[in-house]
Amino acid sequence: MNICFDKIQGGNYTLYIHRDFRNDAFEQTLLDYERRLHKRYHSAPVPSSKFTSVYRFSVRFGNIEKAVYFKEYFCRSAWDFVKHLFRLSRAERSLRAMLMLQKNGFDVPVVVAMGECKAGFFERRNFLATFEVENTKRLHEYITDSKDNSTGEQLREKRGLIRAFGRTIGRMHAKGIFHGDLRLGNILARQEENRWRFFFLDNERTRKFYRLPARLRLRNLVQVNMFPPAAMSNTDRMRFFREYWAQNEKAKIKKVGLIEKVLEKTHRRLSKKEKFKK
């Protein structure tokens, strides 16, 4: 495990705590979270998939109150349970991917703790606790909120956001990194002194390759283009792609052909999504 984390054993639990954020009461609660988490902290549930449970609460570290997101992972099937008898837990895979992203120059929430429990052969529990990334919105909110804005400044801000995002995903793919779930709800954005920062969530399936496979490049590019035409025009999409390709000039792929595949597959998925809503 990364040198930034201290390992604590407690009963059937193994807990990794970021050494810059030690808090005895918080750590003891995490070691026994099933019984004490909701009693000690006023936790509020956060919408998540049916295979996870997410809560938000506040913890005091020194003189600073910090918002924490606690995410517990569940087995998705019997086969998923069997696989995790021989592989890293979902929480640890997510933590390792986040550390890899940080090492390669990308932003993620700060992980304050990761825990695992093996209470019995048929009981495997694991969780990840991260700090809230302050003053951010999900990327799709920035795009959709600006679709009705018409002032020059607002349009320039939106276009700057799209270009910065294209550069960021371009750098990620140039480094051989595939994000396991690059839907725009999994990306937080924040503007800082005329530059944009993007924070990547749900990194459990994020991986780094020596050379990024074409099918995974396509999958990520479709995911980030899942905006209806009313929210993002084709001109905006090309702004994204121009910045993206500027970071991937050495990639041995047919750029025009890939863009056509991305737009075609995106259109099909958006059409299916619209039919499902109706």
C-alpha atoms as a PDB file:
ATOM      1  CA  MET A   1       0.000   0.000   0.000  1.00  0.00           C
ATOM      2  CA  ASN A   2       1.071   3.605  -0.569  1.00  0.00           C
ATOM      3  CA  ILE A   3       3.474   5.032   2.035  1.00  0.00           C
ATOM      4  CA  CYS A   4       0.939   7.777   2.855  1.00  0.00           C
ATOM      5  CA  PHE A   5      -1.268   5.243   4.671  1.00  0.00           C
ATOM      6  CA  ASP A   6      -0.939   3.613   8.075  1.00  0.00           C
ATOM      7  CA  LYS A   7      -2.317   0.104   8.542  1.00  0.00           C
ATOM      8  CA  ILE A   8      -4.507  -0.669  11.551  1.00  0.00           C
ATOM      9  CA  GLN A   9      -5.851  -4.093  12.545  1.00  0.00           C
ATOM     10  CA  GLY A  10      -9.005  -4.378  14.622  1.00  0.00           C
ATOM     11  CA  GLY A  11     -10.775  -7.699  15.058  1.00  0.00           C
ATOM     12  CA  ASN A  12     -11.684  -8.921  11.588  1.00  0.00           C
ATOM     13  CA  TYR A  13     -11.063  -5.526  10.022  1.00  0.00           C
ATOM     14  CA  THR A  14      -8.036  -4.102   8.280  1.00  0.00           C
ATOM     15  CA  LEU A  15      -8.036  -0.327   8.015  1.00  0.00           C
ATOM     16  CA  TYR A  16      -5.736   1.926   6.010  1.00  0.00           C
ATOM     17  CA  ILE A  17      -5.725   5.526   7.249  1.00  0.00           C
ATOM     18  CA  HIS A  18      -4.081   8.486   5.570  1.00  0.00           C
ATOM     19  CA  ARG A  19      -1.348   9.465   7.998  1.00  0.00           C
ATOM     20  CA  ASP A  20      -2.034  13.188   7.538  1.00  0.00           C
ATOM     21  CA  PHE A  21      -5.591  12.768   8.859  1.00  0.00           C
ATOM     22  CA  ARG A  22      -5.427  10.702  12.025  1.00  0.00           C
ATOM     23  CA  ASN A  23      -8.416  10.819  14.357  1.00  0.00           C
ATOM     24  CA  ASP A  24      -8.791   8.109  17.014  1.00  0.00           C
ATOM     25  CA  ALA A  25     -12.567   8.378  17.364  1.00  0.00           C
ATOM     26  CA  PHE A  26     -13.067   8.338  13.594  1.00  0.00           C
ATOM     27  CA  GLU A  27     -10.758   5.343  13.163  1.00  0.00           C
ATOM     28  CA  GLN A  28     -12.472   3.343  15.902  1.00  0.00           C
ATOM     29  CA  THR A  29     -15.831   4.092  14.364  1.00  0.00           C
ATOM     30  CA  LEU A  30     -14.637   2.841  10.969  1.00  0.00           C
ATOM     31  CA  LEU A  31     -13.309  -0.356  12.557  1.00  0.00           C
ATOM     32  CA  ASP A  32     -16.788  -0.973  13.948  1.00  0.00           C
ATOM     33  CA  TYR A  33     -18.807   1.025  11.426  1.00  0.00           C
ATOM     34  CA  GLU A  34     -21.783  -1.290  11.130  1.00  0.00           C
ATOM     35  CA  ARG A  35     -22.877  -0.496  14.680  1.00  0.00           C
ATOM     36  CA  ARG A  36     -21.384   2.934  15.336  1.00  0.00           C
ATOM     37  CA  LEU A  37     -21.120   4.946  12.143  1.00  0.00           C
ATOM     38  CA  HIS A  38     -24.684   6.256  12.102  1.00  0.00           C
ATOM     39  CA  LYS A  39     -24.767   6.714  15.874  1.00  0.00           C
ATOM     40  CA  ARG A  40     -21.636   8.863  16.070  1.00  0.00           C
ATOM     41  CA  TYR A  41     -22.170  10.888  12.887  1.00  0.00           C
ATOM     42  CA  HIS A  42     -25.235  12.492  11.381  1.00  0.00           C
ATOM     43  CA  SER A  43     -24.972  10.673   8.069  1.00  0.00           C
ATOM     44  CA  ALA A  44     -27.088  11.502   5.030  1.00  0.00           C
ATOM     45  CA  PRO A  45     -27.592   8.922   2.262  1.00  0.00           C
ATOM     46  CA  VAL A  46     -26.318   9.815  -1.202  1.00  0.00           C
ATOM     47  CA  PRO A  47     -27.878   8.335  -4.385  1.00  0.00           C
ATOM     48  CA  SER A  48     -25.756   5.478  -5.730  1.00  0.00           C
ATOM     49  CA  SER A  49     -26.008   2.199  -7.619  1.00  0.00           C
ATOM     50  CA  LYS A  50     -27.738  -0.793  -6.049  1.00  0.00           C
ATOM     51  CA  PHE A  51     -24.336  -2.422  -5.556  1.00  0.00           C
ATOM     52  CA  THR A  52     -22.990   0.364  -3.349  1.00  0.00           C
ATOM     53  CA  SER A  53     -24.130   2.367  -0.355  1.00  0.00           C
ATOM     54  CA  VAL A  54     -22.926   5.955   0.044  1.00  0.00           C
ATOM     55  CA  TYR A  55     -23.282   8.309   3.013  1.00  0.00           C
ATOM     56  CA  ARG A  56     -22.067  11.839   3.653  1.00  0.00           C
ATOM     57  CA  PHE A  57     -21.171  13.138   7.107  1.00  0.00           C
ATOM     58  CA  SER A  58     -18.771  15.564   8.780  1.00  0.00           C
ATOM     59  CA  VAL A  59     -15.673  14.774  10.851  1.00  0.00           C
ATOM     60  CA  ARG A  60     -13.452  17.185  12.761  1.00  0.00           C
ATOM     61  CA  PHE A  61      -9.725  16.857  12.088  1.00  0.00           C
ATOM     62  CA  GLY A  62      -7.934  19.191  14.448  1.00  0.00           C
ATOM     63  CA  ASN A  63      -9.779  22.511  14.180  1.00  0.00           C
ATOM     64  CA  ILE A  64     -11.220  21.828  10.725  1.00  0.00           C
ATOM     65  CA  GLU A  65     -14.581  20.244   9.965  1.00  0.00           C
ATOM     66  CA  LYS A  66     -14.350  18.085   6.848  1.00  0.00           C
ATOM     67  CA  ALA A  67     -17.155  16.509   4.824  1.00  0.00           C
ATOM     68  CA  VAL A  68     -16.542  12.798   4.244  1.00  0.00           C
ATOM     69  CA  TYR A  69     -18.133  10.441   1.732  1.00  0.00           C
ATOM     70  CA  PHE A  70     -18.319   6.839   2.928  1.00  0.00           C
ATOM     71  CA  LYS A  71     -18.847   4.270   0.160  1.00  0.00           C
ATOM     72  CA  GLU A  72     -19.422   0.594   0.882  1.00  0.00           C
ATOM     73  CA  TYR A  73     -19.186  -1.911  -1.986  1.00  0.00           C
ATOM     74  CA  PHE A  74     -21.452  -4.972  -2.338  1.00  0.00           C
ATOM     75  CA  CYS A  75     -21.061  -8.133  -4.399  1.00  0.00           C
ATOM     76  CA  ARG A  76     -22.945  -7.869  -7.682  1.00  0.00           C
ATOM     77  CA  SER A  77     -23.499 -11.604  -8.170  1.00  0.00           C
ATOM     78  CA  ALA A  78     -22.419 -15.022  -6.923  1.00  0.00           C
ATOM     79  CA  TRP A  79     -19.654 -15.019  -9.529  1.00  0.00           C
ATOM     80  CA  ASP A  80     -18.538 -11.597  -8.352  1.00  0.00           C
ATOM     81  CA  PHE A  81     -18.239 -12.997  -4.820  1.00  0.00           C
ATOM     82  CA  VAL A  82     -16.127 -15.939  -6.051  1.00  0.00           C
ATOM     83  CA  LYS A  83     -13.827 -13.618  -8.021  1.00  0.00           C
ATOM     84  CA  HIS A  84     -13.155 -11.503  -4.956  1.00  0.00           C
ATOM     85  CA  LEU A  85     -11.923 -14.521  -3.027  1.00  0.00           C
ATOM     86  CA  PHE A  86      -8.836 -14.341  -5.250  1.00  0.00           C
ATOM     87  CA  ARG A  87      -8.506 -10.691  -6.218  1.00  0.00           C
ATOM     88  CA  LEU A  88      -8.299  -7.296  -4.571  1.00  0.00           C
ATOM     89  CA  SER A  89     -11.498  -5.872  -3.111  1.00  0.00           C
ATOM     90  CA  ARG A  90     -13.401  -3.234  -5.051  1.00  0.00           C
ATOM     91  CA  ALA A  91     -12.373  -0.609  -2.473  1.00  0.00           C
ATOM     92  CA  GLU A  92      -8.674  -1.445  -2.768  1.00  0.00           C
ATOM     93  CA  ARG A  93      -8.793  -1.508  -6.576  1.00  0.00           C
ATOM     94  CA  SER A  94     -10.413   1.910  -6.500  1.00  0.00           C
ATOM     95  CA  LEU A  95      -7.789   3.250  -4.083  1.00  0.00           C
ATOM     96  CA  ARG A  96      -4.893   1.905  -6.153  1.00  0.00           C
ATOM     97  CA  ALA A  97      -6.365   3.424  -9.315  1.00  0.00           C
ATOM     98  CA  MET A  98      -6.772   6.800  -7.608  1.00  0.00           C
ATOM     99  CA  LEU A  99      -3.151   6.747  -6.456  1.00  0.00           C
ATOM    100  CA  MET A 100      -2.102   5.842 -10.014  1.00  0.00           C
ATOM    101  CA  LEU A 101      -4.085   8.766 -11.426  1.00  0.00           C
ATOM    102  CA  GLN A 102      -2.494  11.150  -8.920  1.00  0.00           C
ATOM    103  CA  LYS A 103       0.969   9.857  -9.793  1.00  0.00           C
ATOM    104  CA  ASN A 104       0.263  10.603 -13.461  1.00  0.00           C
ATOM    105  CA  GLY A 105      -0.909  14.157 -12.803  1.00  0.00           C
ATOM    106  CA  PHE A 106      -4.700  13.789 -12.586  1.00  0.00           C
ATOM    107  CA  ASP A 107      -6.993  14.942  -9.792  1.00  0.00           C
ATOM    108  CA  VAL A 108      -9.110  12.678  -7.578  1.00  0.00           C
ATOM    109  CA  PRO A 109     -10.768  13.170  -4.187  1.00  0.00           C
ATOM    110  CA  VAL A 110      -8.449  12.715  -1.204  1.00  0.00           C
ATOM    111  CA  VAL A 111      -8.799   9.219   0.243  1.00  0.00           C
ATOM    112  CA  VAL A 112      -8.827   9.393   4.028  1.00  0.00           C
ATOM    113  CA  ALA A 113      -9.459   5.685   4.698  1.00  0.00           C
ATOM    114  CA  MET A 114      -9.973   2.279   3.097  1.00  0.00           C
ATOM    115  CA  GLY A 115     -11.241  -0.701   5.060  1.00  0.00           C
ATOM    116  CA  GLU A 116     -11.858  -4.410   4.554  1.00  0.00           C
ATOM    117  CA  CYS A 117     -13.534  -7.071   6.677  1.00  0.00           C
ATOM    118  CA  LYS A 118     -13.420 -10.854   6.407  1.00  0.00           C
ATOM    119  CA  ALA A 119     -15.850 -11.885   9.121  1.00  0.00           C
ATOM    120  CA  GLY A 120     -16.408 -15.322   7.597  1.00  0.00           C
ATOM    121  CA  PHE A 121     -16.044 -17.278   4.394  1.00  0.00           C
ATOM    122  CA  PHE A 122     -19.282 -15.840   3.022  1.00  0.00           C
ATOM    123  CA  GLU A 123     -18.836 -12.310   4.378  1.00  0.00           C
ATOM    124  CA  ARG A 124     -16.565  -9.837   2.650  1.00  0.00           C
ATOM    125  CA  ARG A 125     -17.100  -6.141   3.335  1.00  0.00           C
ATOM    126  CA  ASN A 126     -15.066  -3.229   2.055  1.00  0.00           C
ATOM    127  CA  PHE A 127     -15.376   0.530   1.927  1.00  0.00           C
ATOM    128  CA  LEU A 128     -13.644   3.724   0.882  1.00  0.00           C
ATOM    129  CA  ALA A 129     -13.852   7.078   2.695  1.00  0.00           C
ATOM    130  CA  THR A 130     -12.923  10.248   0.797  1.00  0.00           C
ATOM    131  CA  PHE A 131     -13.054  13.964   1.477  1.00  0.00           C
ATOM    132  CA  GLU A 132     -15.586  16.059  -0.380  1.00  0.00           C
ATOM    133  CA  VAL A 133     -14.087  18.067  -3.232  1.00  0.00           C
ATOM    134  CA  GLU A 134     -15.267  21.572  -2.411  1.00  0.00           C
ATOM    135  CA  ASN A 135     -16.656  24.193  -4.802  1.00  0.00           C
ATOM    136  CA  THR A 136     -17.233  21.755  -7.646  1.00  0.00           C
ATOM    137  CA  LYS A 137     -20.140  20.669  -9.812  1.00  0.00           C
ATOM    138  CA  ARG A 138     -20.513  17.567 -11.910  1.00  0.00           C
ATOM    139  CA  LEU A 139     -19.314  18.217 -15.427  1.00  0.00           C
ATOM    140  CA  HIS A 140     -22.669  17.530 -17.055  1.00  0.00           C
ATOM    141  CA  GLU A 141     -24.231  20.206 -14.829  1.00  0.00           C
ATOM    142  CA  TYR A 142     -21.866  22.864 -16.194  1.00  0.00           C
ATOM    143  CA  ILE A 143     -22.723  21.891 -19.761  1.00  0.00           C
ATOM    144  CA  THR A 144     -26.488  21.607 -19.361  1.00  0.00           C
ATOM    145  CA  ASP A 145     -26.737  24.717 -17.159  1.00  0.00           C
ATOM    146  CA  SER A 146     -25.106  26.766 -19.897  1.00  0.00           C
ATOM    147  CA  LYS A 147     -27.224  25.570 -22.818  1.00  0.00           C
ATOM    148  CA  ASP A 148     -29.696  28.467 -22.457  1.00  0.00           C
ATOM    149  CA  ASN A 149     -27.024  31.097 -21.728  1.00  0.00           C
ATOM    150  CA  SER A 150     -26.299  33.455 -24.580  1.00  0.00           C
ATOM    151  CA  THR A 151     -23.903  36.093 -23.261  1.00  0.00           C
ATOM    152  CA  GLY A 152     -20.449  36.206 -24.774  1.00  0.00           C
ATOM    153  CA  GLU A 153     -18.748  35.606 -21.447  1.00  0.00           C
ATOM    154  CA  GLN A 154     -20.863  32.551 -20.675  1.00  0.00           C
ATOM    155  CA  LEU A 155     -20.224  31.065 -24.116  1.00  0.00           C
ATOM    156  CA  ARG A 156     -16.485  31.635 -23.771  1.00  0.00           C
ATOM    157  CA  GLU A 157     -16.533  29.943 -20.371  1.00  0.00           C
ATOM    158  CA  LYS A 158     -18.350  26.902 -21.748  1.00  0.00           C
ATOM    159  CA  ARG A 159     -15.991  26.615 -24.705  1.00  0.00           C
ATOM    160  CA  GLY A 160     -12.986  26.976 -22.421  1.00  0.00           C
ATOM    161  CA  LEU A 161     -14.378  24.171 -20.251  1.00  0.00           C
ATOM    162  CA  ILE A 162     -14.831  21.886 -23.272  1.00  0.00           C
ATOM    163  CA  ARG A 163     -11.314  22.583 -24.556  1.00  0.00           C
ATOM    164  CA  ALA A 164      -9.746  22.007 -21.137  1.00  0.00           C
ATOM    165  CA  PHE A 165     -11.656  18.759 -20.771  1.00  0.00           C
ATOM    166  CA  GLY A 166     -10.501  17.619 -24.225  1.00  0.00           C
ATOM    167  CA  ARG A 167      -6.882  18.283 -23.239  1.00  0.00           C
ATOM    168  CA  THR A 168      -7.300  16.400 -19.966  1.00  0.00           C
ATOM    169  CA  ILE A 169      -8.820  13.275 -21.536  1.00  0.00           C
ATOM    170  CA  GLY A 170      -6.234  13.530 -24.308  1.00  0.00           C
ATOM    171  CA  ARG A 171      -3.409  13.487 -21.751  1.00  0.00           C
ATOM    172  CA  MET A 172      -5.038  10.589 -19.935  1.00  0.00           C
ATOM    173  CA  HIS A 173      -5.237   8.454 -23.077  1.00  0.00           C
ATOM    174  CA  ALA A 174      -1.757   9.501 -24.189  1.00  0.00           C
ATOM    175  CA  LYS A 175      -0.472   8.033 -20.918  1.00  0.00           C
ATOM    176  CA  GLY A 176      -2.318   4.772 -21.656  1.00  0.00           C
ATOM    177  CA  ILE A 177      -4.953   5.272 -18.956  1.00  0.00           C
ATOM    178  CA  PHE A 178      -8.489   3.970 -19.431  1.00  0.00           C
ATOM    179  CA  HIS A 179     -11.123   5.258 -17.015  1.00  0.00           C
ATOM    180  CA  GLY A 180     -13.529   2.485 -16.091  1.00  0.00           C
ATOM    181  CA  ASP A 181     -16.637   4.675 -16.072  1.00  0.00           C
ATOM    182  CA  LEU A 182     -16.104   8.045 -17.730  1.00  0.00           C
ATOM    183  CA  ARG A 183     -19.726   9.142 -17.702  1.00  0.00           C
ATOM    184  CA  LEU A 184     -19.844  12.860 -17.003  1.00  0.00           C
ATOM    185  CA  GLY A 185     -21.621  12.352 -13.698  1.00  0.00           C
ATOM    186  CA  ASN A 186     -18.367  10.798 -12.481  1.00  0.00           C
ATOM    187  CA  ILE A 187     -16.327  13.931 -13.164  1.00  0.00           C
ATOM    188  CA  LEU A 188     -16.275  17.009 -10.942  1.00  0.00           C
ATOM    189  CA  ALA A 189     -15.087  20.342 -12.323  1.00  0.00           C
ATOM    190  CA  ARG A 190     -13.837  23.516 -10.700  1.00  0.00           C
ATOM    191  CA  GLN A 191     -12.499  26.735 -12.204  1.00  0.00           C
ATOM    192  CA  GLU A 192      -9.384  28.153 -10.564  1.00  0.00           C
ATOM    193  CA  GLU A 193      -7.778  31.391 -11.760  1.00  0.00           C
ATOM    194  CA  ASN A 194      -8.745  30.993 -15.429  1.00  0.00           C
ATOM    195  CA  ARG A 195      -8.041  27.268 -15.544  1.00  0.00           C
ATOM    196  CA  TRP A 196     -10.236  24.222 -15.079  1.00  0.00           C
ATOM    197  CA  ARG A 197      -9.519  21.243 -12.841  1.00  0.00           C
ATOM    198  CA  PHE A 198     -11.284  17.903 -13.223  1.00  0.00           C
ATOM    199  CA  PHE A 199     -11.654  15.346 -10.422  1.00  0.00           C
ATOM    200  CA  PHE A 200     -12.340  11.737 -11.395  1.00  0.00           C
ATOM    201  CA  LEU A 201     -14.710   9.544  -9.360  1.00  0.00           C
ATOM    202  CA  ASP A 202     -15.601   5.816  -9.454  1.00  0.00           C
ATOM    203  CA  ASN A 203     -12.133   4.610 -10.360  1.00  0.00           C
ATOM    204  CA  GLU A 204     -12.565   0.944  -9.470  1.00  0.00           C
ATOM    205  CA  ARG A 205     -12.048  -0.243 -13.087  1.00  0.00           C
ATOM    206  CA  THR A 206      -9.550   2.439 -14.119  1.00  0.00           C
ATOM    207  CA  ARG A 207      -6.345   0.934 -15.506  1.00  0.00           C
ATOM    208  CA  LYS A 208      -3.054   1.948 -17.079  1.00  0.00           C
ATOM    209  CA  PHE A 209      -1.813   0.151 -20.210  1.00  0.00           C
ATOM    210  CA  TYR A 210       1.476   0.297 -22.062  1.00  0.00           C
ATOM    211  CA  ARG A 211      -0.608   1.166 -25.112  1.00  0.00           C
ATOM    212  CA  LEU A 212      -4.300   2.015 -24.753  1.00  0.00           C
ATOM    213  CA  PRO A 213      -6.463  -0.539 -26.637  1.00  0.00           C
ATOM    214  CA  ALA A 214      -8.562   1.011 -29.426  1.00  0.00           C
ATOM    215  CA  ARG A 215     -11.828  -0.436 -28.090  1.00  0.00           C
ATOM    216  CA  LEU A 216     -11.262   1.184 -24.687  1.00  0.00           C
ATOM    217  CA  ARG A 217     -10.348   4.517 -26.262  1.00  0.00           C
ATOM    218  CA  LEU A 218     -13.608   4.361 -28.218  1.00  0.00           C
ATOM    219  CA  ARG A 219     -15.614   3.449 -25.113  1.00  0.00           C
ATOM    220  CA  ASN A 220     -14.290   6.422 -23.125  1.00  0.00           C
ATOM    221  CA  LEU A 221     -14.823   8.860 -26.004  1.00  0.00           C
ATOM    222  CA  VAL A 222     -18.423   7.746 -26.415  1.00  0.00           C
ATOM    223  CA  GLN A 223     -19.016   8.123 -22.681  1.00  0.00           C
ATOM    224  CA  VAL A 224     -17.745  11.711 -22.589  1.00  0.00           C
ATOM    225  CA  ASN A 225     -19.815  12.658 -25.648  1.00  0.00           C
ATOM    226  CA  MET A 226     -23.140  11.485 -24.217  1.00  0.00           C
ATOM    227  CA  PHE A 227     -24.766  14.928 -24.442  1.00  0.00           C
ATOM    228  CA  PRO A 228     -27.953  15.579 -26.408  1.00  0.00           C
ATOM    229  CA  PRO A 229     -27.490  18.003 -29.352  1.00  0.00           C
ATOM    230  CA  ALA A 230     -29.459  20.671 -27.464  1.00  0.00           C
ATOM    231  CA  ALA A 231     -26.742  20.776 -24.792  1.00  0.00           C
ATOM    232  CA  MET A 232     -23.652  20.300 -26.956  1.00  0.00           C
ATOM    233  CA  SER A 233     -23.418  21.066 -30.653  1.00  0.00           C
ATOM    234  CA  ASN A 234     -21.197  19.239 -33.136  1.00  0.00           C
ATOM    235  CA  THR A 235     -19.015  22.365 -33.172  1.00  0.00           C
ATOM    236  CA  ASP A 236     -18.511  21.972 -29.425  1.00  0.00           C
ATOM    237  CA  ARG A 237     -17.663  18.295 -29.915  1.00  0.00           C
ATOM    238  CA  MET A 238     -15.033  19.228 -32.485  1.00  0.00           C
ATOM    239  CA  ARG A 239     -13.548  21.701 -30.000  1.00  0.00           C
ATOM    240  CA  PHE A 240     -13.150  18.760 -27.646  1.00  0.00           C
ATOM    241  CA  PHE A 241     -11.596  16.540 -30.329  1.00  0.00           C
ATOM    242  CA  ARG A 242      -9.119  19.168 -31.532  1.00  0.00           C
ATOM    243  CA  GLU A 243      -7.679  19.488 -28.035  1.00  0.00           C
ATOM    244  CA  TYR A 244      -7.849  15.734 -27.525  1.00  0.00           C
ATOM    245  CA  TRP A 245      -5.837  14.983 -30.674  1.00  0.00           C
ATOM    246  CA  ALA A 246      -3.284  17.654 -29.839  1.00  0.00           C
ATOM    247  CA  GLN A 247      -2.313  15.406 -26.907  1.00  0.00           C
ATOM    248  CA  ASN A 248      -2.385  12.199 -28.994  1.00  0.00           C
ATOM    249  CA  GLU A 249      -0.460  13.150 -32.117  1.00  0.00           C
ATOM    250  CA  LYS A 250       1.665   9.990 -31.928  1.00  0.00           C
ATOM    251  CA  ALA A 251      -1.320   7.639 -31.690  1.00  0.00           C
ATOM    252  CA  LYS A 252      -1.295   5.311 -34.702  1.00  0.00           C
ATOM    253  CA  ILE A 253      -5.002   5.459 -35.419  1.00  0.00           C
ATOM    254  CA  LYS A 254      -7.135   7.029 -38.135  1.00  0.00           C
ATOM    255  CA  LYS A 255      -8.454  10.092 -36.386  1.00  0.00           C
ATOM    256  CA  VAL A 256     -11.297  10.973 -38.767  1.00  0.00           C
ATOM    257  CA  GLY A 257     -12.511   7.373 -38.775  1.00  0.00           C
ATOM    258  CA  LEU A 258     -12.457   7.202 -34.985  1.00  0.00           C
ATOM    259  CA  ILE A 259     -14.381  10.471 -34.629  1.00  0.00           C
ATOM    260  CA  GLU A 260     -17.020   9.161 -37.036  1.00  0.00           C
ATOM    261  CA  LYS A 261     -17.331   5.963 -34.973  1.00  0.00           C
ATOM    262  CA  VAL A 262     -17.634   7.973 -31.755  1.00  0.00           C
ATOM    263  CA  LEU A 263     -20.346  10.263 -33.136  1.00  0.00           C
ATOM    264  CA  GLU A 264     -22.250   7.373 -34.725  1.00  0.00           C
ATOM    265  CA  LYS A 265     -22.197   5.254 -31.584  1.00  0.00           C
ATOM    266  CA  THR A 266     -23.045   8.278 -29.421  1.00  0.00           C
ATOM    267  CA  HIS A 267     -26.036   9.084 -31.636  1.00  0.00           C
ATOM    268  CA  ARG A 268     -27.310   5.487 -31.367  1.00  0.00           C
ATOM    269  CA  ARG A 269     -26.991   5.471 -27.597  1.00  0.00           C
ATOM    270  CA  LEU A 270     -28.676   8.867 -27.240  1.00  0.00           C
ATOM    271  CA  SER A 271     -31.532   7.696 -29.477  1.00  0.00           C
ATOM    272  CA  LYS A 272     -32.037   4.574 -27.377  1.00  0.00           C
ATOM    273  CA  LYS A 273     -31.937   6.647 -24.211  1.00  0.00           C
ATOM    274  CA  GLU A 274     -34.591   9.021 -25.557  1.00  0.00           C
ATOM    275  CA  LYS A 275     -36.859   6.126 -26.603  1.00  0.00           C
ATOM    276  CA  PHE A 276     -36.500   4.592 -23.153  1.00  0.00           C
ATOM    277  CA  LYS A 277     -37.572   7.872 -21.507  1.00  0.00           C
ATOM    278  CA  LYS A 278     -40.664   8.050 -23.710  1.00  0.00           C
END
